[in-house]
């Protein structure tokens, strides 16, 4: 049976009880990352910085048992019934190490030239994106929250493929205290804007008009299908649990005829891969049952990506969204 949840008009989830703590460890870690660490990253040569991060990441992963333990438990539940070559505990540590590297990549990305990025990049299936653009209806590029997303889009913009990213302006974190949610999270959102460059926010009054305008100009918008911040949400089984999926981008595809092009972004600034899939076209509207089938198709696509690259998915822990 179709289950939906309507959100308030601003597009954000219903407000939750404010955190009891004024300041938490996550607030301090995030503040250090945004200020002293970011400042140092402007001074240290990129190759030395990435070398140090690569060496320190395994130690960091072993120290952060407060994150690795719940992540491994989440993985064990999600992968039950699937054959995996590595234990959830090992995967959780790998996840943390890769997440640390992603965080440093965000700090140095603007120091990397197009030539440097090109030498590190492998792009597959770009002909599928070009094929979709040839329809002249715009393209909705669908992806998940994987480590190399921002890195890949930063590079693709510089070789002529300009994406408008749909995102929330202030990342949601249940791990922060009042200080972090009031001061640090908004600062982190502003920092991400400098990397993403071309974006539109989920709560903007002109969100629908902005997306339609970009598609009518045969432009591209990027939507993460595992993001559930939307007015209309659907609960679908994915990775052994009911997960919430937004349906707005599918409504938009039906309305405009814009093809959906899957995109996977994997790796880091030492070597990353962008893989585009064949266009998915919904040329007409759908009944309730048909629309639910399309949501389930998106959930299945996400599940296949996570099963293939479990340690690259950022969404295992709310602290790293």
C-alpha atoms as a PDB file:
ATOM      1  CA  UNK A   1       0.000   0.000   0.000  1.00  0.00           C
ATOM      2  CA  UNK A   2       1.276   3.455  -0.932  1.00  0.00           C
ATOM      3  CA  UNK A   3       2.463   5.412   2.093  1.00  0.00           C
ATOM      4  CA  UNK A   4       3.237   9.100   1.859  1.00  0.00           C
ATOM      5  CA  UNK A   5       4.172  11.785   4.343  1.00  0.00           C
ATOM      6  CA  UNK A   6       3.497  15.447   3.774  1.00  0.00           C
ATOM      7  CA  UNK A   7       6.066  17.923   5.078  1.00  0.00           C
ATOM      8  CA  UNK A   8       5.585  21.556   6.090  1.00  0.00           C
ATOM      9  CA  UNK A   9       5.622  24.132   3.319  1.00  0.00           C
ATOM     10  CA  UNK A  10       9.309  24.934   3.801  1.00  0.00           C
ATOM     11  CA  UNK A  11      10.232  21.409   2.702  1.00  0.00           C
ATOM     12  CA  UNK A  12      12.040  20.520   5.931  1.00  0.00           C
ATOM     13  CA  UNK A  13      11.147  17.637   8.249  1.00  0.00           C
ATOM     14  CA  UNK A  14       8.883  18.416  11.181  1.00  0.00           C
ATOM     15  CA  UNK A  15      10.967  20.012  13.947  1.00  0.00           C
ATOM     16  CA  UNK A  16      12.251  17.663  16.638  1.00  0.00           C
ATOM     17  CA  UNK A  17      12.930  18.359  20.287  1.00  0.00           C
ATOM     18  CA  UNK A  18      16.018  20.528  20.667  1.00  0.00           C
ATOM     19  CA  UNK A  19      19.153  18.680  21.817  1.00  0.00           C
ATOM     20  CA  UNK A  20      19.610  18.658  25.587  1.00  0.00           C
ATOM     21  CA  UNK A  21      23.329  19.447  25.351  1.00  0.00           C
ATOM     22  CA  UNK A  22      24.566  22.933  24.544  1.00  0.00           C
ATOM     23  CA  UNK A  23      27.773  21.553  23.033  1.00  0.00           C
ATOM     24  CA  UNK A  24      28.836  18.036  22.060  1.00  0.00           C
ATOM     25  CA  UNK A  25      32.021  16.424  20.800  1.00  0.00           C
ATOM     26  CA  UNK A  26      30.661  16.499  17.244  1.00  0.00           C
ATOM     27  CA  UNK A  27      30.261  20.293  17.496  1.00  0.00           C
ATOM     28  CA  UNK A  28      33.917  20.664  18.517  1.00  0.00           C
ATOM     29  CA  UNK A  29      35.176  18.292  15.801  1.00  0.00           C
ATOM     30  CA  UNK A  30      33.170  20.100  13.124  1.00  0.00           C
ATOM     31  CA  UNK A  31      34.369  23.528  14.309  1.00  0.00           C
ATOM     32  CA  UNK A  32      38.018  22.359  14.240  1.00  0.00           C
ATOM     33  CA  UNK A  33      37.486  20.990  10.722  1.00  0.00           C
ATOM     34  CA  UNK A  34      35.932  24.208   9.427  1.00  0.00           C
ATOM     35  CA  UNK A  35      38.460  26.616  10.885  1.00  0.00           C
ATOM     36  CA  UNK A  36      41.959  25.489  12.017  1.00  0.00           C
ATOM     37  CA  UNK A  37      42.086  22.416   9.744  1.00  0.00           C
ATOM     38  CA  UNK A  38      40.705  24.284   6.741  1.00  0.00           C
ATOM     39  CA  UNK A  39      43.261  27.038   7.303  1.00  0.00           C
ATOM     40  CA  UNK A  40      46.118  24.531   7.428  1.00  0.00           C
ATOM     41  CA  UNK A  41      44.872  22.899   4.229  1.00  0.00           C
ATOM     42  CA  UNK A  42      45.464  26.164   2.373  1.00  0.00           C
ATOM     43  CA  UNK A  43      49.110  26.155   3.497  1.00  0.00           C
ATOM     44  CA  UNK A  44      50.194  22.513   3.221  1.00  0.00           C
ATOM     45  CA  UNK A  45      50.955  21.200  -0.292  1.00  0.00           C
ATOM     46  CA  UNK A  46      48.099  19.013  -1.527  1.00  0.00           C
ATOM     47  CA  UNK A  47      50.252  15.939  -2.190  1.00  0.00           C
ATOM     48  CA  UNK A  48      51.653  16.030   1.370  1.00  0.00           C
ATOM     49  CA  UNK A  49      48.193  16.565   2.828  1.00  0.00           C
ATOM     50  CA  UNK A  50      46.653  13.622   0.981  1.00  0.00           C
ATOM     51  CA  UNK A  51      49.652  11.426   1.872  1.00  0.00           C
ATOM     52  CA  UNK A  52      49.222  12.270   5.560  1.00  0.00           C
ATOM     53  CA  UNK A  53      45.468  11.681   5.417  1.00  0.00           C
ATOM     54  CA  UNK A  54      45.958   8.314   3.764  1.00  0.00           C
ATOM     55  CA  UNK A  55      48.349   7.254   6.522  1.00  0.00           C
ATOM     56  CA  UNK A  56      46.263   8.587   9.405  1.00  0.00           C
ATOM     57  CA  UNK A  57      42.859   7.403   8.182  1.00  0.00           C
ATOM     58  CA  UNK A  58      43.165   3.772   9.409  1.00  0.00           C
ATOM     59  CA  UNK A  59      44.142   4.968  12.904  1.00  0.00           C
ATOM     60  CA  UNK A  60      41.248   7.429  12.922  1.00  0.00           C
ATOM     61  CA  UNK A  61      38.855   4.635  11.911  1.00  0.00           C
ATOM     62  CA  UNK A  62      40.003   2.418  14.782  1.00  0.00           C
ATOM     63  CA  UNK A  63      39.775   5.226  17.330  1.00  0.00           C
ATOM     64  CA  UNK A  64      36.205   6.278  16.419  1.00  0.00           C
ATOM     65  CA  UNK A  65      34.432   3.261  17.858  1.00  0.00           C
ATOM     66  CA  UNK A  66      31.583   5.586  18.813  1.00  0.00           C
ATOM     67  CA  UNK A  67      30.831   5.700  15.086  1.00  0.00           C
ATOM     68  CA  UNK A  68      32.199   2.403  13.770  1.00  0.00           C
ATOM     69  CA  UNK A  69      30.198   0.208  16.163  1.00  0.00           C
ATOM     70  CA  UNK A  70      26.724   1.549  15.254  1.00  0.00           C
ATOM     71  CA  UNK A  71      27.721   1.707  11.576  1.00  0.00           C
ATOM     72  CA  UNK A  72      28.798  -1.959  11.593  1.00  0.00           C
ATOM     73  CA  UNK A  73      25.519  -2.895  13.286  1.00  0.00           C
ATOM     74  CA  UNK A  74      23.589  -0.963  10.642  1.00  0.00           C
ATOM     75  CA  UNK A  75      25.555  -2.691   7.889  1.00  0.00           C
ATOM     76  CA  UNK A  76      24.956  -6.146   9.400  1.00  0.00           C
ATOM     77  CA  UNK A  77      21.224  -5.519   9.393  1.00  0.00           C
ATOM     78  CA  UNK A  78      21.172  -4.009   5.906  1.00  0.00           C
ATOM     79  CA  UNK A  79      23.240  -6.784   4.312  1.00  0.00           C
ATOM     80  CA  UNK A  80      21.481  -9.711   5.984  1.00  0.00           C
ATOM     81  CA  UNK A  81      20.781 -12.309   3.298  1.00  0.00           C
ATOM     82  CA  UNK A  82      23.515 -10.992   0.985  1.00  0.00           C
ATOM     83  CA  UNK A  83      26.879 -12.651   0.523  1.00  0.00           C
ATOM     84  CA  UNK A  84      29.691 -10.207   1.274  1.00  0.00           C
ATOM     85  CA  UNK A  85      33.389 -10.980   1.287  1.00  0.00           C
ATOM     86  CA  UNK A  86      34.170  -8.677   4.233  1.00  0.00           C
ATOM     87  CA  UNK A  87      32.733  -8.460   7.747  1.00  0.00           C
ATOM     88  CA  UNK A  88      30.619  -5.434   8.773  1.00  0.00           C
ATOM     89  CA  UNK A  89      33.275  -4.451  11.338  1.00  0.00           C
ATOM     90  CA  UNK A  90      35.993  -4.238   8.672  1.00  0.00           C
ATOM     91  CA  UNK A  91      33.661  -2.413   6.282  1.00  0.00           C
ATOM     92  CA  UNK A  92      32.736   0.105   8.976  1.00  0.00           C
ATOM     93  CA  UNK A  93      36.397   0.985   9.549  1.00  0.00           C
ATOM     94  CA  UNK A  94      36.940   1.294   5.791  1.00  0.00           C
ATOM     95  CA  UNK A  95      33.881   3.536   5.593  1.00  0.00           C
ATOM     96  CA  UNK A  96      35.316   5.850   8.256  1.00  0.00           C
ATOM     97  CA  UNK A  97      38.740   5.991   6.623  1.00  0.00           C
ATOM     98  CA  UNK A  98      37.216   6.874   3.247  1.00  0.00           C
ATOM     99  CA  UNK A  99      34.907   9.422   4.828  1.00  0.00           C
ATOM    100  CA  UNK A 100      37.876  11.189   6.400  1.00  0.00           C
ATOM    101  CA  UNK A 101      39.587  11.312   3.015  1.00  0.00           C
ATOM    102  CA  UNK A 102      36.425  12.763   1.443  1.00  0.00           C
ATOM    103  CA  UNK A 103      36.374  15.500   4.074  1.00  0.00           C
ATOM    104  CA  UNK A 104      39.958  16.490   3.244  1.00  0.00           C
ATOM    105  CA  UNK A 105      39.218  16.351  -0.489  1.00  0.00           C
ATOM    106  CA  UNK A 106      36.450  18.902   0.096  1.00  0.00           C
ATOM    107  CA  UNK A 107      39.023  21.245   1.637  1.00  0.00           C
ATOM    108  CA  UNK A 108      41.558  20.997  -1.200  1.00  0.00           C
ATOM    109  CA  UNK A 109      39.293  20.577  -4.217  1.00  0.00           C
ATOM    110  CA  UNK A 110      39.534  24.233  -5.266  1.00  0.00           C
ATOM    111  CA  UNK A 111      43.323  23.943  -5.350  1.00  0.00           C
ATOM    112  CA  UNK A 112      43.187  21.164  -7.973  1.00  0.00           C
ATOM    113  CA  UNK A 113      43.481  22.209 -11.604  1.00  0.00           C
ATOM    114  CA  UNK A 114      41.300  20.747 -14.342  1.00  0.00           C
ATOM    115  CA  UNK A 115      44.379  18.999 -15.730  1.00  0.00           C
ATOM    116  CA  UNK A 116      45.185  17.437 -12.349  1.00  0.00           C
ATOM    117  CA  UNK A 117      41.607  16.271 -11.907  1.00  0.00           C
ATOM    118  CA  UNK A 118      41.531  14.921 -15.445  1.00  0.00           C
ATOM    119  CA  UNK A 119      44.616  12.808 -14.782  1.00  0.00           C
ATOM    120  CA  UNK A 120      42.847  11.278 -11.764  1.00  0.00           C
ATOM    121  CA  UNK A 121      39.446  10.820 -13.407  1.00  0.00           C
ATOM    122  CA  UNK A 122      37.906   7.881 -15.252  1.00  0.00           C
ATOM    123  CA  UNK A 123      34.573   8.748 -16.862  1.00  0.00           C
ATOM    124  CA  UNK A 124      32.469   5.935 -18.301  1.00  0.00           C
ATOM    125  CA  UNK A 125      29.185   6.127 -20.179  1.00  0.00           C
ATOM    126  CA  UNK A 126      29.373   9.851 -20.962  1.00  0.00           C
ATOM    127  CA  UNK A 127      27.673   8.973 -24.259  1.00  0.00           C
ATOM    128  CA  UNK A 128      24.507   8.188 -22.269  1.00  0.00           C
ATOM    129  CA  UNK A 129      24.497  11.717 -20.883  1.00  0.00           C
ATOM    130  CA  UNK A 130      25.072  13.174 -24.352  1.00  0.00           C
ATOM    131  CA  UNK A 131      22.256  10.977 -25.719  1.00  0.00           C
ATOM    132  CA  UNK A 132      19.876  12.293 -23.065  1.00  0.00           C
ATOM    133  CA  UNK A 133      20.872  15.904 -23.769  1.00  0.00           C
ATOM    134  CA  UNK A 134      20.087  15.304 -27.453  1.00  0.00           C
ATOM    135  CA  UNK A 135      16.385  14.967 -26.482  1.00  0.00           C
ATOM    136  CA  UNK A 136      16.532  18.730 -25.706  1.00  0.00           C
ATOM    137  CA  UNK A 137      14.234  18.367 -22.707  1.00  0.00           C
ATOM    138  CA  UNK A 138      16.903  18.794 -20.069  1.00  0.00           C
ATOM    139  CA  UNK A 139      18.338  15.965 -17.994  1.00  0.00           C
ATOM    140  CA  UNK A 140      17.775  14.873 -14.407  1.00  0.00           C
ATOM    141  CA  UNK A 141      20.990  13.198 -13.249  1.00  0.00           C
ATOM    142  CA  UNK A 142      20.215  10.827 -10.382  1.00  0.00           C
ATOM    143  CA  UNK A 143      22.875   9.741  -7.904  1.00  0.00           C
ATOM    144  CA  UNK A 144      23.315   8.694  -4.278  1.00  0.00           C
ATOM    145  CA  UNK A 145      25.352  10.137  -1.425  1.00  0.00           C
ATOM    146  CA  UNK A 146      28.700   8.589  -2.355  1.00  0.00           C
ATOM    147  CA  UNK A 147      32.164   9.824  -1.443  1.00  0.00           C
ATOM    148  CA  UNK A 148      33.216  11.293  -4.793  1.00  0.00           C
ATOM    149  CA  UNK A 149      29.995  13.144  -5.651  1.00  0.00           C
ATOM    150  CA  UNK A 150      31.251  16.675  -5.095  1.00  0.00           C
ATOM    151  CA  UNK A 151      34.655  15.886  -6.567  1.00  0.00           C
ATOM    152  CA  UNK A 152      33.118  14.381  -9.718  1.00  0.00           C
ATOM    153  CA  UNK A 153      30.673  17.229 -10.279  1.00  0.00           C
ATOM    154  CA  UNK A 154      33.402  19.806  -9.696  1.00  0.00           C
ATOM    155  CA  UNK A 155      35.444  18.155 -12.452  1.00  0.00           C
ATOM    156  CA  UNK A 156      32.499  17.643 -14.834  1.00  0.00           C
ATOM    157  CA  UNK A 157      31.567  21.321 -14.573  1.00  0.00           C
ATOM    158  CA  UNK A 158      35.067  22.220 -15.719  1.00  0.00           C
ATOM    159  CA  UNK A 159      34.849  20.080 -18.845  1.00  0.00           C
ATOM    160  CA  UNK A 160      31.488  21.520 -19.855  1.00  0.00           C
ATOM    161  CA  UNK A 161      28.815  19.502 -18.015  1.00  0.00           C
ATOM    162  CA  UNK A 162      27.170  21.971 -15.651  1.00  0.00           C
ATOM    163  CA  UNK A 163      24.870  20.479 -13.007  1.00  0.00           C
ATOM    164  CA  UNK A 164      22.487  22.350 -10.756  1.00  0.00           C
ATOM    165  CA  UNK A 165      22.513  20.446  -7.454  1.00  0.00           C
ATOM    166  CA  UNK A 166      19.341  20.218  -5.377  1.00  0.00           C
ATOM    167  CA  UNK A 167      20.200  20.210  -1.667  1.00  0.00           C
ATOM    168  CA  UNK A 168      19.280  21.463   1.777  1.00  0.00           C
ATOM    169  CA  UNK A 169      21.248  24.608   2.731  1.00  0.00           C
ATOM    170  CA  UNK A 170      22.029  23.460   6.283  1.00  0.00           C
ATOM    171  CA  UNK A 171      22.965  19.782   6.766  1.00  0.00           C
ATOM    172  CA  UNK A 172      20.791  17.957   9.282  1.00  0.00           C
ATOM    173  CA  UNK A 173      22.704  16.367  12.153  1.00  0.00           C
ATOM    174  CA  UNK A 174      21.253  14.626  15.188  1.00  0.00           C
ATOM    175  CA  UNK A 175      24.791  14.238  16.574  1.00  0.00           C
ATOM    176  CA  UNK A 176      25.278  17.951  17.275  1.00  0.00           C
ATOM    177  CA  UNK A 177      24.272  20.003  20.288  1.00  0.00           C
ATOM    178  CA  UNK A 178      22.575  23.398  20.231  1.00  0.00           C
ATOM    179  CA  UNK A 179      25.869  25.206  19.531  1.00  0.00           C
ATOM    180  CA  UNK A 180      26.640  23.017  16.523  1.00  0.00           C
ATOM    181  CA  UNK A 181      23.176  23.229  14.993  1.00  0.00           C
ATOM    182  CA  UNK A 182      22.978  26.977  15.522  1.00  0.00           C
ATOM    183  CA  UNK A 183      26.459  28.036  14.417  1.00  0.00           C
ATOM    184  CA  UNK A 184      28.586  25.226  12.964  1.00  0.00           C
ATOM    185  CA  UNK A 185      26.087  23.488  10.672  1.00  0.00           C
ATOM    186  CA  UNK A 186      25.100  26.749   8.870  1.00  0.00           C
ATOM    187  CA  UNK A 187      28.803  27.584   8.418  1.00  0.00           C
ATOM    188  CA  UNK A 188      29.376  24.126   6.956  1.00  0.00           C
ATOM    189  CA  UNK A 189      26.447  24.668   4.577  1.00  0.00           C
ATOM    190  CA  UNK A 190      28.003  27.929   3.371  1.00  0.00           C
ATOM    191  CA  UNK A 191      31.339  26.177   2.916  1.00  0.00           C
ATOM    192  CA  UNK A 192      29.711  23.504   0.738  1.00  0.00           C
ATOM    193  CA  UNK A 193      28.235  26.238  -1.463  1.00  0.00           C
ATOM    194  CA  UNK A 194      31.775  27.281  -2.448  1.00  0.00           C
ATOM    195  CA  UNK A 195      32.408  23.741  -3.728  1.00  0.00           C
ATOM    196  CA  UNK A 196      29.044  22.932  -5.263  1.00  0.00           C
ATOM    197  CA  UNK A 197      28.905  26.360  -6.968  1.00  0.00           C
ATOM    198  CA  UNK A 198      25.616  25.794  -8.839  1.00  0.00           C
ATOM    199  CA  UNK A 199      22.787  24.853  -6.496  1.00  0.00           C
ATOM    200  CA  UNK A 200      19.161  25.355  -5.570  1.00  0.00           C
ATOM    201  CA  UNK A 201      17.762  24.752  -2.103  1.00  0.00           C
ATOM    202  CA  UNK A 202      14.868  22.480  -1.225  1.00  0.00           C
ATOM    203  CA  UNK A 203      13.029  25.142   0.780  1.00  0.00           C
ATOM    204  CA  UNK A 204      13.410  27.956  -1.787  1.00  0.00           C
ATOM    205  CA  UNK A 205      10.083  29.529  -2.710  1.00  0.00           C
ATOM    206  CA  UNK A 206      11.059  29.353  -6.381  1.00  0.00           C
ATOM    207  CA  UNK A 207      12.321  25.750  -6.327  1.00  0.00           C
ATOM    208  CA  UNK A 208       9.840  24.355  -8.861  1.00  0.00           C
ATOM    209  CA  UNK A 209      10.172  27.314 -11.224  1.00  0.00           C
ATOM    210  CA  UNK A 210      13.982  27.176 -11.016  1.00  0.00           C
ATOM    211  CA  UNK A 211      14.094  23.486 -11.871  1.00  0.00           C
ATOM    212  CA  UNK A 212      11.645  23.885 -14.764  1.00  0.00           C
ATOM    213  CA  UNK A 213      13.620  26.819 -16.145  1.00  0.00           C
ATOM    214  CA  UNK A 214      16.872  24.838 -16.078  1.00  0.00           C
ATOM    215  CA  UNK A 215      15.293  21.861 -17.848  1.00  0.00           C
ATOM    216  CA  UNK A 216      13.582  24.026 -20.463  1.00  0.00           C
ATOM    217  CA  UNK A 217      16.994  25.498 -21.269  1.00  0.00           C
ATOM    218  CA  UNK A 218      18.160  21.883 -21.841  1.00  0.00           C
ATOM    219  CA  UNK A 219      20.231  22.097 -18.689  1.00  0.00           C
ATOM    220  CA  UNK A 220      20.999  19.438 -16.098  1.00  0.00           C
ATOM    221  CA  UNK A 221      19.919  19.080 -12.508  1.00  0.00           C
ATOM    222  CA  UNK A 222      21.328  16.566 -10.038  1.00  0.00           C
ATOM    223  CA  UNK A 223      19.182  14.842  -7.426  1.00  0.00           C
ATOM    224  CA  UNK A 224      20.348  12.328  -4.826  1.00  0.00           C
ATOM    225  CA  UNK A 225      17.685   9.640  -4.747  1.00  0.00           C
ATOM    226  CA  UNK A 226      18.557   8.700  -1.151  1.00  0.00           C
ATOM    227  CA  UNK A 227      17.667  12.199   0.089  1.00  0.00           C
ATOM    228  CA  UNK A 228      14.215  12.194   1.672  1.00  0.00           C
ATOM    229  CA  UNK A 229      13.783  15.904   2.420  1.00  0.00           C
ATOM    230  CA  UNK A 230      10.638  16.683   0.426  1.00  0.00           C
ATOM    231  CA  UNK A 231       6.981  17.545   0.788  1.00  0.00           C
ATOM    232  CA  UNK A 232       5.901  14.154  -0.531  1.00  0.00           C
ATOM    233  CA  UNK A 233       7.731  11.059   0.666  1.00  0.00           C
ATOM    234  CA  UNK A 234       7.266   7.353   0.124  1.00  0.00           C
ATOM    235  CA  UNK A 235       8.307   4.441   2.317  1.00  0.00           C
ATOM    236  CA  UNK A 236       9.840   1.619   0.282  1.00  0.00           C
ATOM    237  CA  UNK A 237      11.812  -1.450   1.307  1.00  0.00           C
ATOM    238  CA  UNK A 238      15.500  -1.013   0.563  1.00  0.00           C
ATOM    239  CA  UNK A 239      18.472  -2.737   2.216  1.00  0.00           C
ATOM    240  CA  UNK A 240      16.199  -4.759   4.522  1.00  0.00           C
ATOM    241  CA  UNK A 241      14.369  -1.779   5.962  1.00  0.00           C
ATOM    242  CA  UNK A 242      11.685   0.706   5.025  1.00  0.00           C
ATOM    243  CA  UNK A 243      13.404   3.838   3.786  1.00  0.00           C
ATOM    244  CA  UNK A 244      11.903   7.170   2.818  1.00  0.00           C
ATOM    245  CA  UNK A 245      12.246   8.327  -0.777  1.00  0.00           C
ATOM    246  CA  UNK A 246      11.231  11.665  -2.248  1.00  0.00           C
ATOM    247  CA  UNK A 247       9.008  11.584  -5.308  1.00  0.00           C
ATOM    248  CA  UNK A 248       9.315  15.138  -6.600  1.00  0.00           C
ATOM    249  CA  UNK A 249      12.035  14.454  -9.172  1.00  0.00           C
ATOM    250  CA  UNK A 250       9.903  11.681 -10.713  1.00  0.00           C
ATOM    251  CA  UNK A 251       6.912  14.018 -10.906  1.00  0.00           C
ATOM    252  CA  UNK A 252       9.203  16.521 -12.631  1.00  0.00           C
ATOM    253  CA  UNK A 253      10.398  13.884 -15.124  1.00  0.00           C
ATOM    254  CA  UNK A 254       6.801  12.986 -15.951  1.00  0.00           C
ATOM    255  CA  UNK A 255       5.819  16.617 -16.348  1.00  0.00           C
ATOM    256  CA  UNK A 256       8.709  17.671 -18.593  1.00  0.00           C
ATOM    257  CA  UNK A 257       9.704  14.432 -20.325  1.00  0.00           C
ATOM    258  CA  UNK A 258      13.279  14.975 -19.137  1.00  0.00           C
ATOM    259  CA  UNK A 259      15.188  11.670 -19.087  1.00  0.00           C
ATOM    260  CA  UNK A 260      16.790  10.402 -15.897  1.00  0.00           C
ATOM    261  CA  UNK A 261      20.475   9.477 -16.177  1.00  0.00           C
ATOM    262  CA  UNK A 262      21.997   7.419 -13.320  1.00  0.00           C
ATOM    263  CA  UNK A 263      25.442   8.522 -12.128  1.00  0.00           C
ATOM    264  CA  UNK A 264      27.800   6.769  -9.701  1.00  0.00           C
ATOM    265  CA  UNK A 265      30.785   8.657  -8.266  1.00  0.00           C
ATOM    266  CA  UNK A 266      33.451   6.585  -6.517  1.00  0.00           C
ATOM    267  CA  UNK A 267      36.960   7.120  -5.170  1.00  0.00           C
ATOM    268  CA  UNK A 268      38.898  10.204  -4.105  1.00  0.00           C
ATOM    269  CA  UNK A 269      41.217  12.872  -5.488  1.00  0.00           C
ATOM    270  CA  UNK A 270      44.010  10.336  -5.994  1.00  0.00           C
ATOM    271  CA  UNK A 271      41.761   8.457  -8.407  1.00  0.00           C
ATOM    272  CA  UNK A 272      38.014   8.680  -8.943  1.00  0.00           C
ATOM    273  CA  UNK A 273      35.499   7.128 -11.303  1.00  0.00           C
ATOM    274  CA  UNK A 274      32.260   8.515 -12.720  1.00  0.00           C
ATOM    275  CA  UNK A 275      29.898   5.978 -14.277  1.00  0.00           C
ATOM    276  CA  UNK A 276      26.774   7.050 -16.176  1.00  0.00           C
ATOM    277  CA  UNK A 277      23.962   4.615 -16.924  1.00  0.00           C
ATOM    278  CA  UNK A 278      21.465   4.402 -19.756  1.00  0.00           C
ATOM    279  CA  UNK A 279      18.752   7.085 -19.771  1.00  0.00           C
ATOM    280  CA  UNK A 280      15.441   6.201 -18.132  1.00  0.00           C
ATOM    281  CA  UNK A 281      12.486   7.883 -19.851  1.00  0.00           C
ATOM    282  CA  UNK A 282       9.002   8.360 -18.425  1.00  0.00           C
ATOM    283  CA  UNK A 283       7.120   9.842 -21.357  1.00  0.00           C
ATOM    284  CA  UNK A 284       3.734  10.137 -19.645  1.00  0.00           C
ATOM    285  CA  UNK A 285       2.078  10.455 -16.281  1.00  0.00           C
ATOM    286  CA  UNK A 286       1.352   7.475 -14.073  1.00  0.00           C
ATOM    287  CA  UNK A 287      -1.348   6.008 -11.896  1.00  0.00           C
ATOM    288  CA  UNK A 288      -0.751   5.623  -8.165  1.00  0.00           C
ATOM    289  CA  UNK A 289       0.372   2.023  -8.679  1.00  0.00           C
ATOM    290  CA  UNK A 290       2.626   2.899 -11.614  1.00  0.00           C
ATOM    291  CA  UNK A 291       4.222   5.753  -9.693  1.00  0.00           C
ATOM    292  CA  UNK A 292       4.919   3.442  -6.769  1.00  0.00           C
ATOM    293  CA  UNK A 293       6.591   1.066  -9.190  1.00  0.00           C
ATOM    294  CA  UNK A 294       8.853   3.892 -10.345  1.00  0.00           C
ATOM    295  CA  UNK A 295       9.783   4.728  -6.751  1.00  0.00           C
ATOM    296  CA  UNK A 296      10.608   1.055  -6.175  1.00  0.00           C
ATOM    297  CA  UNK A 297      12.779   1.123  -9.305  1.00  0.00           C
ATOM    298  CA  UNK A 298      14.788   3.987  -7.787  1.00  0.00           C
ATOM    299  CA  UNK A 299      15.068   2.123  -4.470  1.00  0.00           C
ATOM    300  CA  UNK A 300      16.345  -0.964  -6.287  1.00  0.00           C
ATOM    301  CA  UNK A 301      18.891   1.124  -8.160  1.00  0.00           C
ATOM    302  CA  UNK A 302      20.186   2.624  -4.905  1.00  0.00           C
ATOM    303  CA  UNK A 303      20.369  -0.799  -3.281  1.00  0.00           C
ATOM    304  CA  UNK A 304      22.420  -2.194  -6.179  1.00  0.00           C
ATOM    305  CA  UNK A 305      24.888   0.695  -5.862  1.00  0.00           C
ATOM    306  CA  UNK A 306      25.296   0.249  -2.101  1.00  0.00           C
ATOM    307  CA  UNK A 307      25.720  -3.519  -2.374  1.00  0.00           C
ATOM    308  CA  UNK A 308      28.408  -3.037  -5.025  1.00  0.00           C
ATOM    309  CA  UNK A 309      30.255  -0.277  -3.121  1.00  0.00           C
ATOM    310  CA  UNK A 310      29.188  -0.454   0.546  1.00  0.00           C
ATOM    311  CA  UNK A 311      32.076   1.507   2.043  1.00  0.00           C
ATOM    312  CA  UNK A 312      31.598   4.423  -0.387  1.00  0.00           C
ATOM    313  CA  UNK A 313      28.048   5.275   0.746  1.00  0.00           C
ATOM    314  CA  UNK A 314      27.992   8.268   3.070  1.00  0.00           C
ATOM    315  CA  UNK A 315      24.572   7.640   4.612  1.00  0.00           C
ATOM    316  CA  UNK A 316      25.520   4.863   7.053  1.00  0.00           C
ATOM    317  CA  UNK A 317      25.864   7.366   9.858  1.00  0.00           C
ATOM    318  CA  UNK A 318      23.830  10.503  10.397  1.00  0.00           C
ATOM    319  CA  UNK A 319      27.012  12.171  11.680  1.00  0.00           C
ATOM    320  CA  UNK A 320      28.455  12.140   8.157  1.00  0.00           C
ATOM    321  CA  UNK A 321      25.550  13.348   6.029  1.00  0.00           C
END
